[in-house]
C-alpha atoms as a PDB file:
ATOM      1  CA  MET A   1     -13.678  12.385  49.732  1.00  0.00           C
ATOM      2  CA  ARG A   2     -13.491  15.102  52.446  1.00  0.00           C
ATOM      3  CA  ARG A   3     -12.370  18.534  51.223  1.00  0.00           C
ATOM      4  CA  ASP A   4      -9.201  18.576  53.365  1.00  0.00           C
ATOM      5  CA  THR A   5      -8.274  15.069  52.163  1.00  0.00           C
ATOM      6  CA  PHE A   6      -8.909  16.092  48.544  1.00  0.00           C
ATOM      7  CA  LEU A   7      -6.704  19.192  48.885  1.00  0.00           C
ATOM      8  CA  LYS A   8      -3.895  17.144  50.468  1.00  0.00           C
ATOM      9  CA  THR A   9      -4.151  14.630  47.612  1.00  0.00           C
ATOM     10  CA  LEU A  10      -4.045  17.405  45.004  1.00  0.00           C
ATOM     11  CA  THR A  11      -1.033  18.958  46.740  1.00  0.00           C
ATOM     12  CA  ALA A  12       0.737  15.598  46.717  1.00  0.00           C
ATOM     13  CA  PHE A  13       0.033  15.162  42.999  1.00  0.00           C
ATOM     14  CA  ALA A  14       1.331  18.664  42.271  1.00  0.00           C
ATOM     15  CA  ALA A  15       4.511  18.041  44.258  1.00  0.00           C
ATOM     16  CA  SER A  16       5.184  14.898  42.222  1.00  0.00           C
ATOM     17  CA  GLY A  17       4.553  16.738  38.948  1.00  0.00           C
ATOM     18  CA  VAL A  18       1.488  14.643  38.112  1.00  0.00           C
ATOM     19  CA  LEU A  19      -1.896  16.341  38.164  1.00  0.00           C
ATOM     20  CA  PRO A  20      -5.013  14.228  37.649  1.00  0.00           C
ATOM     21  CA  LEU A  21      -7.212  15.118  34.704  1.00  0.00           C
ATOM     22  CA  PRO A  22      -8.762  17.513  34.034  1.00  0.00           C
ATOM     23  CA  ALA A  23      -6.732  19.781  36.347  1.00  0.00           C
ATOM     24  CA  SER A  24      -3.688  20.249  34.102  1.00  0.00           C
ATOM     25  CA  ALA A  25      -2.930  17.858  31.278  1.00  0.00           C
ATOM     26  CA  ALA A  26      -6.031  18.740  29.271  1.00  0.00           C
ATOM     27  CA  ALA A  27      -5.766  22.516  29.412  1.00  0.00           C
ATOM     28  CA  ASN A  28      -3.491  23.760  26.615  1.00  0.00           C
ATOM     29  CA  LEU A  29      -2.025  21.114  24.329  1.00  0.00           C
ATOM     30  CA  LYS A  30       0.830  21.697  21.875  1.00  0.00           C
ATOM     31  CA  MET A  31       0.915  19.711  18.637  1.00  0.00           C
ATOM     32  CA  MET A  32       4.151  19.250  16.691  1.00  0.00           C
ATOM     33  CA  ILE A  33       3.452  18.518  13.014  1.00  0.00           C
ATOM     34  CA  PRO A  34       6.810  17.402  11.554  1.00  0.00           C
ATOM     35  CA  ALA A  35       5.879  18.367   7.985  1.00  0.00           C
ATOM     36  CA  ASN A  36       5.007  21.478   6.030  1.00  0.00           C
ATOM     37  CA  PRO A  37       1.340  22.544   5.757  1.00  0.00           C
ATOM     38  CA  GLY A  38      -0.942  20.801   3.295  1.00  0.00           C
ATOM     39  CA  GLY A  39      -0.126  17.125   3.735  1.00  0.00           C
ATOM     40  CA  GLY A  40      -1.441  14.087   5.573  1.00  0.00           C
ATOM     41  CA  TRP A  41       0.302  14.748   8.882  1.00  0.00           C
ATOM     42  CA  ASP A  42      -0.883  18.350   8.838  1.00  0.00           C
ATOM     43  CA  SER A  43      -4.523  17.433   8.201  1.00  0.00           C
ATOM     44  CA  THR A  44      -4.342  14.615  10.771  1.00  0.00           C
ATOM     45  CA  GLY A  45      -2.870  16.844  13.472  1.00  0.00           C
ATOM     46  CA  ARG A  46      -5.370  19.632  12.936  1.00  0.00           C
ATOM     47  CA  ALA A  47      -8.318  17.229  12.782  1.00  0.00           C
ATOM     48  CA  LEU A  48      -7.179  15.623  16.039  1.00  0.00           C
ATOM     49  CA  GLY A  49      -6.764  19.047  17.624  1.00  0.00           C
ATOM     50  CA  LYS A  50     -10.317  20.006  16.684  1.00  0.00           C
ATOM     51  CA  ALA A  51     -11.625  16.702  18.063  1.00  0.00           C
ATOM     52  CA  LEU A  52      -9.687  17.132  21.316  1.00  0.00           C
ATOM     53  CA  GLN A  53     -11.360  20.499  21.840  1.00  0.00           C
ATOM     54  CA  GLU A  54     -14.816  19.256  20.848  1.00  0.00           C
ATOM     55  CA  SER A  55     -14.525  16.395  23.338  1.00  0.00           C
ATOM     56  CA  GLY A  56     -13.619  18.804  26.137  1.00  0.00           C
ATOM     57  CA  ALA A  57     -10.226  17.134  26.533  1.00  0.00           C
ATOM     58  CA  ALA A  58      -8.415  20.357  25.644  1.00  0.00           C
ATOM     59  CA  ASP A  59      -9.192  24.018  26.199  1.00  0.00           C
ATOM     60  CA  SER A  60      -6.890  24.903  23.307  1.00  0.00           C
ATOM     61  CA  VAL A  61      -4.473  23.231  20.906  1.00  0.00           C
ATOM     62  CA  SER A  62      -1.596  25.125  19.300  1.00  0.00           C
ATOM     63  CA  PHE A  63       0.217  23.789  16.229  1.00  0.00           C
ATOM     64  CA  GLU A  64       3.768  24.029  14.950  1.00  0.00           C
ATOM     65  CA  ASN A  65       4.820  22.827  11.499  1.00  0.00           C
ATOM     66  CA  LYS A  66       8.468  21.818  11.080  1.00  0.00           C
ATOM     67  CA  GLY A  67       9.006  19.932   7.827  1.00  0.00           C
ATOM     68  CA  GLY A  68      11.929  18.058   6.344  1.00  0.00           C
ATOM     69  CA  ALA A  69      13.807  14.748   6.358  1.00  0.00           C
ATOM     70  CA  ALA A  70      10.680  12.577   6.618  1.00  0.00           C
ATOM     71  CA  GLY A  71       9.773  14.259   9.881  1.00  0.00           C
ATOM     72  CA  ALA A  72      13.223  13.913  11.463  1.00  0.00           C
ATOM     73  CA  ILE A  73      13.728  17.688  11.812  1.00  0.00           C
ATOM     74  CA  GLY A  74      10.443  18.145  13.670  1.00  0.00           C
ATOM     75  CA  LEU A  75      11.110  14.974  15.669  1.00  0.00           C
ATOM     76  CA  ALA A  76      14.512  16.297  16.797  1.00  0.00           C
ATOM     77  CA  GLN A  77      12.965  19.570  17.954  1.00  0.00           C
ATOM     78  CA  PHE A  78      10.177  17.710  19.745  1.00  0.00           C
ATOM     79  CA  VAL A  79      12.571  15.317  21.514  1.00  0.00           C
ATOM     80  CA  ASN A  80      14.989  18.073  22.517  1.00  0.00           C
ATOM     81  CA  SER A  81      12.519  20.740  23.647  1.00  0.00           C
ATOM     82  CA  SER A  82       9.546  18.848  25.080  1.00  0.00           C
ATOM     83  CA  LYS A  83      11.120  16.443  27.580  1.00  0.00           C
ATOM     84  CA  GLY A  84       8.744  15.727  30.447  1.00  0.00           C
ATOM     85  CA  ASP A  85       5.993  17.990  29.039  1.00  0.00           C
ATOM     86  CA  PRO A  86       2.613  16.251  29.610  1.00  0.00           C
ATOM     87  CA  ASN A  87       0.864  18.669  27.233  1.00  0.00           C
ATOM     88  CA  ALA A  88       3.042  18.009  24.166  1.00  0.00           C
ATOM     89  CA  LEU A  89       1.944  15.812  21.252  1.00  0.00           C
ATOM     90  CA  MET A  90       3.522  14.927  17.896  1.00  0.00           C
ATOM     91  CA  VAL A  91       1.918  13.454  14.789  1.00  0.00           C
ATOM     92  CA  MET A  92       3.912  10.667  13.124  1.00  0.00           C
ATOM     93  CA  GLY A  93       3.471   7.539  11.032  1.00  0.00           C
ATOM     94  CA  ALA A  94       4.913   5.030   8.591  1.00  0.00           C
ATOM     95  CA  VAL A  95       6.697   7.776   6.625  1.00  0.00           C
ATOM     96  CA  MET A  96       8.743   8.739   9.683  1.00  0.00           C
ATOM     97  CA  LEU A  97       9.838   5.140  10.234  1.00  0.00           C
ATOM     98  CA  GLY A  98      10.892   4.852   6.587  1.00  0.00           C
ATOM     99  CA  GLY A  99      12.824   8.100   6.827  1.00  0.00           C
ATOM    100  CA  ILE A 100      14.629   6.955   9.964  1.00  0.00           C
ATOM    101  CA  ILE A 101      15.639   3.712   8.235  1.00  0.00           C
ATOM    102  CA  THR A 102      17.010   5.477   5.150  1.00  0.00           C
ATOM    103  CA  GLY A 103      18.309   8.710   6.689  1.00  0.00           C
ATOM    104  CA  LYS A 104      19.628   7.375  10.004  1.00  0.00           C
ATOM    105  CA  PRO A 105      19.118  10.691  11.848  1.00  0.00           C
ATOM    106  CA  PRO A 106      20.663  11.270  15.300  1.00  0.00           C
ATOM    107  CA  VAL A 107      17.226  11.040  16.925  1.00  0.00           C
ATOM    108  CA  THR A 108      14.658   8.269  16.617  1.00  0.00           C
ATOM    109  CA  VAL A 109      10.948   8.107  17.342  1.00  0.00           C
ATOM    110  CA  THR A 110      11.493   5.603  20.163  1.00  0.00           C
ATOM    111  CA  GLN A 111      13.002   8.466  22.197  1.00  0.00           C
ATOM    112  CA  ALA A 112       9.485   9.918  22.407  1.00  0.00           C
ATOM    113  CA  THR A 113       6.512   8.199  24.086  1.00  0.00           C
ATOM    114  CA  SER A 114       4.144   6.123  21.954  1.00  0.00           C
ATOM    115  CA  LEU A 115       0.455   6.880  22.528  1.00  0.00           C
ATOM    116  CA  ALA A 116      -1.839   5.782  19.699  1.00  0.00           C
ATOM    117  CA  ARG A 117      -2.202   4.776  16.079  1.00  0.00           C
ATOM    118  CA  LEU A 118      -5.101   6.739  14.596  1.00  0.00           C
ATOM    119  CA  THR A 119      -5.713   5.914  10.931  1.00  0.00           C
ATOM    120  CA  SER A 120      -4.606   3.821   7.994  1.00  0.00           C
ATOM    121  CA  GLU A 121      -4.666   4.788   4.339  1.00  0.00           C
ATOM    122  CA  PHE A 122      -3.422   3.404   1.026  1.00  0.00           C
ATOM    123  CA  ASN A 123      -1.490   5.399  -1.541  1.00  0.00           C
ATOM    124  CA  VAL A 124      -2.795   6.429  -4.934  1.00  0.00           C
ATOM    125  CA  PHE A 125      -0.599   7.282  -7.929  1.00  0.00           C
ATOM    126  CA  VAL A 126      -1.765  10.103 -10.188  1.00  0.00           C
ATOM    127  CA  LEU A 127      -0.787  11.801 -13.443  1.00  0.00           C
ATOM    128  CA  PRO A 128      -1.226  15.504 -14.186  1.00  0.00           C
ATOM    129  CA  ALA A 129      -4.336  15.931 -16.363  1.00  0.00           C
ATOM    130  CA  SER A 130      -2.150  17.336 -19.150  1.00  0.00           C
ATOM    131  CA  SER A 131       0.218  14.339 -19.195  1.00  0.00           C
ATOM    132  CA  PRO A 132       0.651  12.482 -22.506  1.00  0.00           C
ATOM    133  CA  LEU A 133       0.693   9.313 -20.378  1.00  0.00           C
ATOM    134  CA  LYS A 134      -2.785   8.041 -19.529  1.00  0.00           C
ATOM    135  CA  THR A 135      -2.382   4.823 -17.531  1.00  0.00           C
ATOM    136  CA  MET A 136      -0.014   2.956 -15.216  1.00  0.00           C
ATOM    137  CA  LYS A 137       0.782   0.756 -18.226  1.00  0.00           C
ATOM    138  CA  ASP A 138       2.032   3.866 -20.051  1.00  0.00           C
ATOM    139  CA  VAL A 139       4.167   4.796 -17.050  1.00  0.00           C
ATOM    140  CA  VAL A 140       5.650   1.296 -16.877  1.00  0.00           C
ATOM    141  CA  GLU A 141       6.454   1.276 -20.605  1.00  0.00           C
ATOM    142  CA  GLN A 142       8.248   4.627 -20.264  1.00  0.00           C
ATOM    143  CA  LEU A 143      10.027   3.376 -17.141  1.00  0.00           C
ATOM    144  CA  LYS A 144      11.344   0.342 -19.033  1.00  0.00           C
ATOM    145  CA  LYS A 145      12.570   2.494 -21.939  1.00  0.00           C
ATOM    146  CA  ASP A 146      14.299   5.113 -19.787  1.00  0.00           C
ATOM    147  CA  PRO A 147      13.963   4.821 -15.973  1.00  0.00           C
ATOM    148  CA  GLY A 148      15.370   8.293 -15.333  1.00  0.00           C
ATOM    149  CA  SER A 149      12.817   9.977 -17.589  1.00  0.00           C
ATOM    150  CA  VAL A 150       9.980   9.099 -15.215  1.00  0.00           C
ATOM    151  CA  LYS A 151      10.050  11.539 -12.294  1.00  0.00           C
ATOM    152  CA  TRP A 152       8.159  10.140  -9.288  1.00  0.00           C
ATOM    153  CA  GLY A 153       7.001  12.884  -6.905  1.00  0.00           C
ATOM    154  CA  GLY A 154       5.960  12.305  -3.316  1.00  0.00           C
ATOM    155  CA  GLY A 155       6.881  12.614   0.335  1.00  0.00           C
ATOM    156  CA  SER A 156      10.301  12.361   1.891  1.00  0.00           C
ATOM    157  CA  ARG A 157      12.811   9.668   1.031  1.00  0.00           C
ATOM    158  CA  GLY A 158      11.618   6.472   2.696  1.00  0.00           C
ATOM    159  CA  SER A 159       7.923   7.413   2.467  1.00  0.00           C
ATOM    160  CA  THR A 160       5.413   4.723   1.523  1.00  0.00           C
ATOM    161  CA  GLU A 161       5.036   6.195  -1.980  1.00  0.00           C
ATOM    162  CA  HIS A 162       8.835   6.122  -2.419  1.00  0.00           C
ATOM    163  CA  ILE A 163       8.920   2.484  -1.312  1.00  0.00           C
ATOM    164  CA  ALA A 164       5.964   1.710  -3.613  1.00  0.00           C
ATOM    165  CA  ALA A 165       7.725   3.298  -6.597  1.00  0.00           C
ATOM    166  CA  ALA A 166      10.800   1.139  -5.931  1.00  0.00           C
ATOM    167  CA  MET A 167       8.591  -1.936  -5.567  1.00  0.00           C
ATOM    168  CA  ILE A 168       6.841  -1.176  -8.879  1.00  0.00           C
ATOM    169  CA  ALA A 169      10.212  -0.851 -10.647  1.00  0.00           C
ATOM    170  CA  ARG A 170      11.402  -4.150  -9.234  1.00  0.00           C
ATOM    171  CA  GLU A 171       8.161  -5.910 -10.165  1.00  0.00           C
ATOM    172  CA  VAL A 172       8.383  -4.799 -13.817  1.00  0.00           C
ATOM    173  CA  GLY A 173      12.053  -5.681 -14.180  1.00  0.00           C
ATOM    174  CA  VAL A 174      13.647  -2.261 -13.714  1.00  0.00           C
ATOM    175  CA  ASP A 175      16.549  -1.699 -11.309  1.00  0.00           C
ATOM    176  CA  PRO A 176      14.972   0.187  -8.340  1.00  0.00           C
ATOM    177  CA  ALA A 177      18.240   2.076  -7.878  1.00  0.00           C
ATOM    178  CA  LYS A 178      17.583   3.792 -11.231  1.00  0.00           C
ATOM    179  CA  ILE A 179      14.219   5.324 -10.355  1.00  0.00           C
ATOM    180  CA  ASN A 180      14.130   9.122 -10.406  1.00  0.00           C
ATOM    181  CA  TYR A 181      12.358   9.944  -7.143  1.00  0.00           C
ATOM    182  CA  VAL A 182      11.777  13.593  -6.181  1.00  0.00           C
ATOM    183  CA  ALA A 183      11.102  14.036  -2.454  1.00  0.00           C
ATOM    184  CA  PHE A 184       9.083  16.970  -1.121  1.00  0.00           C
ATOM    185  CA  ARG A 185       8.925  18.350   2.414  1.00  0.00           C
ATOM    186  CA  GLY A 186       5.128  18.376   2.536  1.00  0.00           C
ATOM    187  CA  GLY A 187       1.997  17.368   0.666  1.00  0.00           C
ATOM    188  CA  GLY A 188       1.341  20.936  -0.494  1.00  0.00           C
ATOM    189  CA  GLU A 189       4.675  21.100  -2.330  1.00  0.00           C
ATOM    190  CA  ALA A 190       4.169  17.682  -3.928  1.00  0.00           C
ATOM    191  CA  THR A 191       0.653  18.628  -5.077  1.00  0.00           C
ATOM    192  CA  ALA A 192       1.900  21.871  -6.651  1.00  0.00           C
ATOM    193  CA  ALA A 193       4.634  19.961  -8.499  1.00  0.00           C
ATOM    194  CA  ILE A 194       2.120  17.456  -9.891  1.00  0.00           C
ATOM    195  CA  LEU A 195      -0.379  20.125 -10.935  1.00  0.00           C
ATOM    196  CA  GLY A 196       2.449  22.069 -12.575  1.00  0.00           C
ATOM    197  CA  GLY A 197       3.648  19.041 -14.524  1.00  0.00           C
ATOM    198  CA  ASN A 198       7.046  19.201 -12.825  1.00  0.00           C
ATOM    199  CA  VAL A 199       6.926  15.472 -12.050  1.00  0.00           C
ATOM    200  CA  THR A 200       5.709  12.641 -14.258  1.00  0.00           C
ATOM    201  CA  VAL A 201       3.690  10.772 -11.663  1.00  0.00           C
ATOM    202  CA  GLY A 202       2.784  11.622  -8.077  1.00  0.00           C
ATOM    203  CA  GLY A 203       1.968   9.455  -5.093  1.00  0.00           C
ATOM    204  CA  SER A 204       0.283  10.077  -1.745  1.00  0.00           C
ATOM    205  CA  GLY A 205      -2.745   9.167   0.346  1.00  0.00           C
ATOM    206  CA  TYR A 206      -5.996   9.466  -1.621  1.00  0.00           C
ATOM    207  CA  SER A 207      -7.255  12.218   0.700  1.00  0.00           C
ATOM    208  CA  GLU A 208      -4.468  14.577  -0.369  1.00  0.00           C
ATOM    209  CA  PHE A 209      -5.406  14.325  -4.063  1.00  0.00           C
ATOM    210  CA  ALA A 210      -9.178  13.795  -3.834  1.00  0.00           C
ATOM    211  CA  GLU A 211     -10.296  17.340  -4.663  1.00  0.00           C
ATOM    212  CA  TYR A 212      -7.953  17.537  -7.667  1.00  0.00           C
ATOM    213  CA  ILE A 213      -9.057  14.128  -8.945  1.00  0.00           C
ATOM    214  CA  THR A 214     -12.706  15.182  -8.609  1.00  0.00           C
ATOM    215  CA  ALA A 215     -11.967  18.451 -10.416  1.00  0.00           C
ATOM    216  CA  GLY A 216     -10.259  16.587 -13.273  1.00  0.00           C
ATOM    217  CA  LYS A 217      -6.847  18.144 -12.601  1.00  0.00           C
ATOM    218  CA  MET A 218      -5.246  14.793 -11.743  1.00  0.00           C
ATOM    219  CA  ARG A 219      -5.814  11.349 -13.265  1.00  0.00           C
ATOM    220  CA  PRO A 220      -5.613   8.444 -10.768  1.00  0.00           C
ATOM    221  CA  ILE A 221      -3.894   5.368 -12.266  1.00  0.00           C
ATOM    222  CA  GLY A 222      -3.518   2.911  -9.376  1.00  0.00           C
ATOM    223  CA  VAL A 223      -3.867   2.327  -5.649  1.00  0.00           C
ATOM    224  CA  THR A 224      -1.547   0.279  -3.426  1.00  0.00           C
ATOM    225  CA  ALA A 225      -4.407  -1.570  -1.720  1.00  0.00           C
ATOM    226  CA  GLU A 226      -5.217  -5.281  -1.833  1.00  0.00           C
ATOM    227  CA  LYS A 227      -8.627  -4.479  -3.339  1.00  0.00           C
ATOM    228  CA  ARG A 228     -10.332  -1.382  -4.692  1.00  0.00           C
ATOM    229  CA  LEU A 229     -11.121   1.319  -2.155  1.00  0.00           C
ATOM    230  CA  LYS A 230     -14.776   1.719  -1.241  1.00  0.00           C
ATOM    231  CA  GLY A 231     -16.494   4.330  -3.369  1.00  0.00           C
ATOM    232  CA  ILE A 232     -13.327   5.103  -5.345  1.00  0.00           C
ATOM    233  CA  ASP A 233     -13.153   3.831  -8.919  1.00  0.00           C
ATOM    234  CA  VAL A 234      -9.388   3.404  -9.224  1.00  0.00           C
ATOM    235  CA  PRO A 235      -7.821   0.035 -10.124  1.00  0.00           C
ATOM    236  CA  THR A 236      -5.340  -1.549  -7.754  1.00  0.00           C
ATOM    237  CA  LEU A 237      -1.785  -2.175  -8.893  1.00  0.00           C
ATOM    238  CA  LYS A 238      -2.402  -5.890  -8.342  1.00  0.00           C
ATOM    239  CA  GLU A 239      -5.283  -6.041 -10.797  1.00  0.00           C
ATOM    240  CA  GLN A 240      -2.993  -4.352 -13.324  1.00  0.00           C
ATOM    241  CA  GLY A 241      -0.491  -7.183 -12.973  1.00  0.00           C
ATOM    242  CA  ILE A 242       1.883  -5.358 -10.590  1.00  0.00           C
ATOM    243  CA  ASN A 243       2.077  -7.249  -7.301  1.00  0.00           C
ATOM    244  CA  VAL A 244       2.552  -4.261  -4.985  1.00  0.00           C
ATOM    245  CA  VAL A 245       0.505  -3.738  -1.811  1.00  0.00           C
ATOM    246  CA  ILE A 246       1.649  -1.256   0.836  1.00  0.00           C
ATOM    247  CA  GLY A 247      -0.322   0.793   3.360  1.00  0.00           C
ATOM    248  CA  ASN A 248       0.279   4.035   5.194  1.00  0.00           C
ATOM    249  CA  TRP A 249      -0.756   4.774   8.778  1.00  0.00           C
ATOM    250  CA  ARG A 250      -0.595   7.760  11.104  1.00  0.00           C
ATOM    251  CA  GLY A 251      -0.380   8.053  14.857  1.00  0.00           C
ATOM    252  CA  VAL A 252       0.504  10.333  17.737  1.00  0.00           C
ATOM    253  CA  TYR A 253       3.301  10.361  20.324  1.00  0.00           C
ATOM    254  CA  GLY A 254       3.872  12.187  23.596  1.00  0.00           C
ATOM    255  CA  ALA A 255       7.021  13.846  24.859  1.00  0.00           C
ATOM    256  CA  PRO A 256      10.076  11.928  26.090  1.00  0.00           C
ATOM    257  CA  GLY A 257      10.280  11.394  29.828  1.00  0.00           C
ATOM    258  CA  ILE A 258       6.615  11.657  30.768  1.00  0.00           C
ATOM    259  CA  ASN A 259       5.611   9.190  33.466  1.00  0.00           C
ATOM    260  CA  ALA A 260       3.138   6.314  33.245  1.00  0.00           C
ATOM    261  CA  GLU A 261       0.234   8.326  34.662  1.00  0.00           C
ATOM    262  CA  GLN A 262       0.778  11.200  32.244  1.00  0.00           C
ATOM    263  CA  ARG A 263       1.033   8.757  29.339  1.00  0.00           C
ATOM    264  CA  LYS A 264      -2.207   7.065  30.390  1.00  0.00           C
ATOM    265  CA  ALA A 265      -3.956  10.424  30.726  1.00  0.00           C
ATOM    266  CA  LEU A 266      -2.873  11.593  27.253  1.00  0.00           C
ATOM    267  CA  THR A 267      -3.901   8.277  25.723  1.00  0.00           C
ATOM    268  CA  GLU A 268      -7.347   8.581  27.297  1.00  0.00           C
ATOM    269  CA  LEU A 269      -7.708  12.103  25.901  1.00  0.00           C
ATOM    270  CA  ILE A 270      -6.909  10.852  22.404  1.00  0.00           C
ATOM    271  CA  VAL A 271      -9.316   7.922  22.654  1.00  0.00           C
ATOM    272  CA  ARG A 272     -12.002  10.359  23.807  1.00  0.00           C
ATOM    273  CA  ALA A 273     -11.296  12.636  20.857  1.00  0.00           C
ATOM    274  CA  THR A 274     -11.724   9.761  18.373  1.00  0.00           C
ATOM    275  CA  LYS A 275     -15.321   9.333  19.570  1.00  0.00           C
ATOM    276  CA  THR A 276     -16.375  12.857  18.590  1.00  0.00           C
ATOM    277  CA  LYS A 277     -18.443  14.021  15.646  1.00  0.00           C
ATOM    278  CA  ALA A 278     -15.530  16.189  14.484  1.00  0.00           C
ATOM    279  CA  TRP A 279     -13.261  13.138  14.200  1.00  0.00           C
ATOM    280  CA  ALA A 280     -15.931  11.056  12.438  1.00  0.00           C
ATOM    281  CA  GLU A 281     -16.389  13.863   9.916  1.00  0.00           C
ATOM    282  CA  ALA A 282     -12.602  14.073   9.361  1.00  0.00           C
ATOM    283  CA  LEU A 283     -12.428  10.329   8.686  1.00  0.00           C
ATOM    284  CA  GLU A 284     -15.205  10.540   6.106  1.00  0.00           C
ATOM    285  CA  ARG A 285     -13.948  13.745   4.487  1.00  0.00           C
ATOM    286  CA  ASN A 286     -10.414  12.422   4.041  1.00  0.00           C
ATOM    287  CA  GLY A 287     -11.203   8.802   3.277  1.00  0.00           C
ATOM    288  CA  TRP A 288      -9.198   7.628   6.302  1.00  0.00           C
ATOM    289  CA  THR A 289      -9.805   4.202   7.781  1.00  0.00           C
ATOM    290  CA  PRO A 290     -10.065   4.306  11.596  1.00  0.00           C
ATOM    291  CA  ALA A 291      -7.284   2.156  13.047  1.00  0.00           C
ATOM    292  CA  LEU A 292      -7.125   3.050  16.736  1.00  0.00           C
ATOM    293  CA  MET A 293      -4.458   1.146  18.674  1.00  0.00           C
ATOM    294  CA  THR A 294      -2.910   2.129  22.007  1.00  0.00           C
ATOM    295  CA  GLY A 295      -0.596   0.943  24.790  1.00  0.00           C
ATOM    296  CA  ALA A 296       1.740  -2.022  24.520  1.00  0.00           C
ATOM    297  CA  GLU A 297      -0.064  -3.209  21.383  1.00  0.00           C
ATOM    298  CA  PHE A 298       0.821   0.020  19.542  1.00  0.00           C
ATOM    299  CA  GLU A 299       4.394  -0.056  20.855  1.00  0.00           C
ATOM    300  CA  LYS A 300       4.853  -3.590  19.479  1.00  0.00           C
ATOM    301  CA  PHE A 301       3.199  -2.572  16.196  1.00  0.00           C
ATOM    302  CA  VAL A 302       5.781   0.209  15.699  1.00  0.00           C
ATOM    303  CA  ASP A 303       8.661  -2.191  16.420  1.00  0.00           C
ATOM    304  CA  ASP A 304       7.228  -4.681  13.909  1.00  0.00           C
ATOM    305  CA  GLU A 305       6.739  -1.920  11.322  1.00  0.00           C
ATOM    306  CA  PHE A 306      10.398  -0.910  11.589  1.00  0.00           C
ATOM    307  CA  ALA A 307      11.418  -4.493  10.808  1.00  0.00           C
ATOM    308  CA  SER A 308       8.855  -4.929   8.032  1.00  0.00           C
ATOM    309  CA  LEU A 309       9.675  -1.652   6.252  1.00  0.00           C
ATOM    310  CA  ARG A 310      13.401  -2.345   6.439  1.00  0.00           C
ATOM    311  CA  ALA A 311      12.860  -5.771   4.876  1.00  0.00           C
ATOM    312  CA  VAL A 312      10.743  -4.294   2.053  1.00  0.00           C
ATOM    313  CA  MET A 313      13.378  -1.615   1.394  1.00  0.00           C
ATOM    314  CA  VAL A 314      16.170  -4.176   1.221  1.00  0.00           C
ATOM    315  CA  LYS A 315      14.120  -6.342  -1.162  1.00  0.00           C
ATOM    316  CA  SER A 316      13.312  -3.312  -3.328  1.00  0.00           C
ATOM    317  CA  GLY A 317      16.962  -2.286  -3.605  1.00  0.00           C
ATOM    318  CA  MET A 318      16.599   0.927  -1.582  1.00  0.00           C
ATOM    319  CA  LEU A 319      19.158   0.020   1.084  1.00  0.00           C
ATOM    320  CA  GLY A 320      21.623  -1.949  -0.981  1.00  0.00           C
END
């Protein structure tokens, strides 16, 4: 392309608000993490940010944590303040969908722009090391005697661990409406509550508890997977006679109102980032399963997940 033709093309792109990569969209990205520090969304967002920089897709990535209401508070800020911004990203996942179903906030994730699913992960339930209870069987026996005496700690209302706790209750013949679920605004708060013995049993992705399990500060008693997780010696709920299987996943969205070219460019940046050494190391370190999905396929997946989670919640007595 001749220089004068190139400059005219660049001027035309600028006038339309769309600059081809890497001229603008890759320069300085902003990442909304709609949870407090220390949890799965936080570690996912920061790992993606590092990978984006390592891949050369971003010169810098800034982060903002805004926890609460299963991500709805951060989502509302993102939707209201980032409209049309081609450099804005937000971490999200199954927990946000569950929170939207139960909390019915004034904003919904479909107001933002879907980009990519990144990872999948199953939940693990743990006991504080000092707990008099030793197994999931012990927890179930206590639950049957006095449902309210078992305090389940985890993410926001509607999170996968909340749904799993309700499913466990239903499976063992306890009214799910009677479970005593304590929701926390971020993984760091939930972890502190478990370590402090302020909840009976805690649930989250294995990666959030791994270091405490290894150190003997938490005792894992069951995972929500179909079969045992590779390299992790924790029995599934199914093999303990509790027919509960539920997975968690995390993804990333762009701002509302970006155009098709900007959406495509951001998606390409994310795909590029997932091919870096930094991302591969994050997957291994956290025990995440790579589950990259983009475009119309991801959009349909989110729609299907809304329907599936709602059905599970209704069946488990969470929505009446």
